[in-house]
Amino acid sequence: MAGHILVLNTGSSSIKYELVDVRTGRRPARGLVERIGERSGRLTHHAGDGP
């Protein structure tokens, strides 16, 4: 099997996400959206091994 799976974990004011390579288990992308709807909201995204 080849491809990727997008995993989402949603809460009332945040979303965590992760892209997983099905064959290797590696995570080419992941991140967090915090305080959705607030002025202090923040997005953190990591691609590959770095931010």
PDB file of N, CA and C in Angstrom:
ATOM      1  N   MET A   1       0.842  -1.167   0.000  1.00  0.00           N
ATOM      2  CA  MET A   1       0.000   0.000   0.000  1.00  0.00           C
ATOM      3  C   MET A   1       0.897   1.242   0.000  1.00  0.00           C
ATOM      4  N   ALA A   2       0.562   2.202  -0.812  1.00  0.00           N
ATOM      5  CA  ALA A   2       1.332   3.443  -0.885  1.00  0.00           C
ATOM      6  C   ALA A   2       0.406   4.619  -0.614  1.00  0.00           C
ATOM      7  N   GLY A   3       0.981   5.698  -0.149  1.00  0.00           N
ATOM      8  CA  GLY A   3       0.198   6.903   0.060  1.00  0.00           C
ATOM      9  C   GLY A   3       0.393   7.480   1.437  1.00  0.00           C
ATOM     10  N   HIS A   4      -0.467   8.427   1.747  1.00  0.00           N
ATOM     11  CA  HIS A   4      -0.400   9.136   3.018  1.00  0.00           C
ATOM     12  C   HIS A   4      -1.778   9.169   3.658  1.00  0.00           C
ATOM     13  N   ILE A   5      -1.776   9.299   4.979  1.00  0.00           N
ATOM     14  CA  ILE A   5      -3.010   9.462   5.748  1.00  0.00           C
ATOM     15  C   ILE A   5      -2.902  10.768   6.524  1.00  0.00           C
ATOM     16  N   LEU A   6      -3.959  11.569   6.487  1.00  0.00           N
ATOM     17  CA  LEU A   6      -4.032  12.788   7.268  1.00  0.00           C
ATOM     18  C   LEU A   6      -4.823  12.484   8.538  1.00  0.00           C
ATOM     19  N   VAL A   7      -4.187  12.676   9.691  1.00  0.00           N
ATOM     20  CA  VAL A   7      -4.812  12.418  10.982  1.00  0.00           C
ATOM     21  C   VAL A   7      -5.156  13.758  11.616  1.00  0.00           C
ATOM     22  N   LEU A   8      -6.414  13.912  12.041  1.00  0.00           N
ATOM     23  CA  LEU A   8      -6.874  15.144  12.686  1.00  0.00           C
ATOM     24  C   LEU A   8      -7.382  14.846  14.087  1.00  0.00           C
ATOM     25  N   ASN A   9      -7.031  15.710  15.017  1.00  0.00           N
ATOM     26  CA  ASN A   9      -7.554  15.634  16.380  1.00  0.00           C
ATOM     27  C   ASN A   9      -8.116  17.021  16.673  1.00  0.00           C
ATOM     28  N   THR A  10      -9.438  17.110  16.702  1.00  0.00           N
ATOM     29  CA  THR A  10     -10.070  18.411  16.864  1.00  0.00           C
ATOM     30  C   THR A  10     -10.653  18.576  18.258  1.00  0.00           C
ATOM     31  N   GLY A  11     -10.516  19.775  18.768  1.00  0.00           N
ATOM     32  CA  GLY A  11     -11.102  20.131  20.058  1.00  0.00           C
ATOM     33  C   GLY A  11     -11.979  21.347  19.874  1.00  0.00           C
ATOM     34  N   SER A  12     -12.409  21.939  20.960  1.00  0.00           N
ATOM     35  CA  SER A  12     -13.310  23.093  20.870  1.00  0.00           C
ATOM     36  C   SER A  12     -12.603  24.347  20.375  1.00  0.00           C
ATOM     37  N   SER A  13     -11.302  24.468  20.620  1.00  0.00           N
ATOM     38  CA  SER A  13     -10.590  25.663  20.169  1.00  0.00           C
ATOM     39  C   SER A  13      -9.206  25.335  19.601  1.00  0.00           C
ATOM     40  N   SER A  14      -8.994  24.061  19.247  1.00  0.00           N
ATOM     41  CA  SER A  14      -7.693  23.689  18.690  1.00  0.00           C
ATOM     42  C   SER A  14      -7.833  22.524  17.717  1.00  0.00           C
ATOM     43  N   ILE A  15      -6.849  22.413  16.836  1.00  0.00           N
ATOM     44  CA  ILE A  15      -6.764  21.293  15.901  1.00  0.00           C
ATOM     45  C   ILE A  15      -5.309  20.846  15.851  1.00  0.00           C
ATOM     46  N   LYS A  16      -5.083  19.562  16.057  1.00  0.00           N
ATOM     47  CA  LYS A  16      -3.763  18.974  15.856  1.00  0.00           C
ATOM     48  C   LYS A  16      -3.857  18.133  14.594  1.00  0.00           C
ATOM     49  N   TYR A  17      -2.814  18.157  13.779  1.00  0.00           N
ATOM     50  CA  TYR A  17      -2.839  17.373  12.547  1.00  0.00           C
ATOM     51  C   TYR A  17      -1.471  16.759  12.280  1.00  0.00           C
ATOM     52  N   GLU A  18      -1.510  15.671  11.506  1.00  0.00           N
ATOM     53  CA  GLU A  18      -0.287  14.953  11.193  1.00  0.00           C
ATOM     54  C   GLU A  18      -0.491  14.220   9.872  1.00  0.00           C
ATOM     55  N   LEU A  19       0.484  14.304   8.992  1.00  0.00           N
ATOM     56  CA  LEU A  19       0.468  13.564   7.742  1.00  0.00           C
ATOM     57  C   LEU A  19       1.426  12.391   7.910  1.00  0.00           C
ATOM     58  N   VAL A  20       0.928  11.170   7.697  1.00  0.00           N
ATOM     59  CA  VAL A  20       1.724   9.967   7.943  1.00  0.00           C
ATOM     60  C   VAL A  20       1.909   9.199   6.643  1.00  0.00           C
ATOM     61  N   ASP A  21       3.154   8.833   6.337  1.00  0.00           N
ATOM     62  CA  ASP A  21       3.461   7.982   5.185  1.00  0.00           C
ATOM     63  C   ASP A  21       3.089   6.552   5.562  1.00  0.00           C
ATOM     64  N   VAL A  22       2.186   5.946   4.805  1.00  0.00           N
ATOM     65  CA  VAL A  22       1.662   4.628   5.129  1.00  0.00           C
ATOM     66  C   VAL A  22       2.762   3.557   5.092  1.00  0.00           C
ATOM     67  N   ARG A  23       3.674   3.634   4.152  1.00  0.00           N
ATOM     68  CA  ARG A  23       4.709   2.594   4.017  1.00  0.00           C
ATOM     69  C   ARG A  23       5.787   2.683   5.080  1.00  0.00           C
ATOM     70  N   THR A  24       6.241   3.882   5.399  1.00  0.00           N
ATOM     71  CA  THR A  24       7.391   4.030   6.288  1.00  0.00           C
ATOM     72  C   THR A  24       7.031   4.454   7.710  1.00  0.00           C
ATOM     73  N   GLY A  25       5.834   5.003   7.899  1.00  0.00           N
ATOM     74  CA  GLY A  25       5.444   5.519   9.206  1.00  0.00           C
ATOM     75  C   GLY A  25       6.018   6.886   9.511  1.00  0.00           C
ATOM     76  N   ARG A  26       6.769   7.443   8.582  1.00  0.00           N
ATOM     77  CA  ARG A  26       7.354   8.774   8.788  1.00  0.00           C
ATOM     78  C   ARG A  26       6.262   9.836   8.755  1.00  0.00           C
ATOM     79  N   ARG A  27       6.558  10.973   9.374  1.00  0.00           N
ATOM     80  CA  ARG A  27       5.612  12.086   9.440  1.00  0.00           C
ATOM     81  C   ARG A  27       6.185  13.276   8.671  1.00  0.00           C
ATOM     82  N   PRO A  28       5.849  13.413   7.396  1.00  0.00           N
ATOM     83  CA  PRO A  28       6.400  14.529   6.628  1.00  0.00           C
ATOM     84  C   PRO A  28       5.843  15.894   7.020  1.00  0.00           C
ATOM     85  N   ALA A  29       4.715  15.930   7.717  1.00  0.00           N
ATOM     86  CA  ALA A  29       4.146  17.212   8.150  1.00  0.00           C
ATOM     87  C   ALA A  29       3.287  16.990   9.381  1.00  0.00           C
ATOM     88  N   ARG A  30       3.316  17.990  10.281  1.00  0.00           N
ATOM     89  CA  ARG A  30       2.470  17.941  11.468  1.00  0.00           C
ATOM     90  C   ARG A  30       2.333  19.364  12.013  1.00  0.00           C
ATOM     91  N   GLY A  31       1.311  19.567  12.811  1.00  0.00           N
ATOM     92  CA  GLY A  31       1.150  20.902  13.360  1.00  0.00           C
ATOM     93  C   GLY A  31       0.007  21.024  14.332  1.00  0.00           C
ATOM     94  N   LEU A  32      -0.193  22.262  14.765  1.00  0.00           N
ATOM     95  CA  LEU A  32      -1.184  22.581  15.774  1.00  0.00           C
ATOM     96  C   LEU A  32      -1.742  23.975  15.511  1.00  0.00           C
ATOM     97  N   VAL A  33      -3.054  24.085  15.546  1.00  0.00           N
ATOM     98  CA  VAL A  33      -3.731  25.379  15.492  1.00  0.00           C
ATOM     99  C   VAL A  33      -4.366  25.566  16.866  1.00  0.00           C
ATOM    100  N   GLU A  34      -3.978  26.631  17.563  1.00  0.00           N
ATOM    101  CA  GLU A  34      -4.440  26.857  18.935  1.00  0.00           C
ATOM    102  C   GLU A  34      -5.296  28.108  19.045  1.00  0.00           C
ATOM    103  N   ARG A  35      -6.170  28.124  20.017  1.00  0.00           N
ATOM    104  CA  ARG A  35      -7.009  29.279  20.345  1.00  0.00           C
ATOM    105  C   ARG A  35      -7.756  29.814  19.110  1.00  0.00           C
ATOM    106  N   ILE A  36      -8.416  28.932  18.411  1.00  0.00           N
ATOM    107  CA  ILE A  36      -9.164  29.301  17.206  1.00  0.00           C
ATOM    108  C   ILE A  36     -10.248  30.317  17.567  1.00  0.00           C
ATOM    109  N   GLY A  37     -10.327  31.396  16.803  1.00  0.00           N
ATOM    110  CA  GLY A  37     -11.328  32.433  17.025  1.00  0.00           C
ATOM    111  C   GLY A  37     -10.897  33.534  17.978  1.00  0.00           C
ATOM    112  N   GLU A  38      -9.706  33.402  18.554  1.00  0.00           N
ATOM    113  CA  GLU A  38      -9.212  34.421  19.477  1.00  0.00           C
ATOM    114  C   GLU A  38      -8.093  35.219  18.820  1.00  0.00           C
ATOM    115  N   ARG A  39      -7.883  36.435  19.295  1.00  0.00           N
ATOM    116  CA  ARG A  39      -6.806  37.274  18.747  1.00  0.00           C
ATOM    117  C   ARG A  39      -5.432  36.661  19.010  1.00  0.00           C
ATOM    118  N   SER A  40      -5.316  35.883  20.055  1.00  0.00           N
ATOM    119  CA  SER A  40      -4.032  35.269  20.406  1.00  0.00           C
ATOM    120  C   SER A  40      -3.837  33.903  19.736  1.00  0.00           C
ATOM    121  N   GLY A  41      -4.692  33.590  18.746  1.00  0.00           N
ATOM    122  CA  GLY A  41      -4.585  32.315  18.039  1.00  0.00           C
ATOM    123  C   GLY A  41      -3.212  32.119  17.412  1.00  0.00           C
ATOM    124  N   ARG A  42      -2.843  30.857  17.249  1.00  0.00           N
ATOM    125  CA  ARG A  42      -1.495  30.564  16.774  1.00  0.00           C
ATOM    126  C   ARG A  42      -1.487  29.289  15.945  1.00  0.00           C
ATOM    127  N   LEU A  43      -0.666  29.267  14.899  1.00  0.00           N
ATOM    128  CA  LEU A  43      -0.463  28.103  14.060  1.00  0.00           C
ATOM    129  C   LEU A  43       1.002  27.702  14.141  1.00  0.00           C
ATOM    130  N   THR A  44       1.250  26.436  14.456  1.00  0.00           N
ATOM    131  CA  THR A  44       2.594  25.886  14.460  1.00  0.00           C
ATOM    132  C   THR A  44       2.612  24.740  13.460  1.00  0.00           C
ATOM    133  N   HIS A  45       3.507  24.814  12.466  1.00  0.00           N
ATOM    134  CA  HIS A  45       3.576  23.777  11.423  1.00  0.00           C
ATOM    135  C   HIS A  45       5.004  23.282  11.299  1.00  0.00           C
ATOM    136  N   HIS A  46       5.174  21.981  11.212  1.00  0.00           N
ATOM    137  CA  HIS A  46       6.481  21.371  11.024  1.00  0.00           C
ATOM    138  C   HIS A  46       6.449  20.543   9.750  1.00  0.00           C
ATOM    139  N   ALA A  47       7.404  20.758   8.874  1.00  0.00           N
ATOM    140  CA  ALA A  47       7.522  19.976   7.643  1.00  0.00           C
ATOM    141  C   ALA A  47       8.856  19.246   7.674  1.00  0.00           C
ATOM    142  N   GLY A  48       8.832  17.950   7.464  1.00  0.00           N
ATOM    143  CA  GLY A  48      10.062  17.174   7.535  1.00  0.00           C
ATOM    144  C   GLY A  48      10.583  17.140   8.956  1.00  0.00           C
ATOM    145  N   ASP A  49      11.884  17.339   9.116  1.00  0.00           N
ATOM    146  CA  ASP A  49      12.497  17.266  10.425  1.00  0.00           C
ATOM    147  C   ASP A  49      12.581  18.609  11.135  1.00  0.00           C
ATOM    148  N   GLY A  50      12.183  19.704  10.466  1.00  0.00           N
ATOM    149  CA  GLY A  50      12.291  21.032  11.080  1.00  0.00           C
ATOM    150  C   GLY A  50      10.979  21.755  11.085  1.00  0.00           C
ATOM    151  N   PRO A  51      10.959  22.907  11.757  1.00  0.00           N
ATOM    152  CA  PRO A  51       9.711  23.714  11.800  1.00  0.00           C
ATOM    153  C   PRO A  51       9.468  24.445  10.478  1.00  0.00           C
TER     154      PRO A  51
END
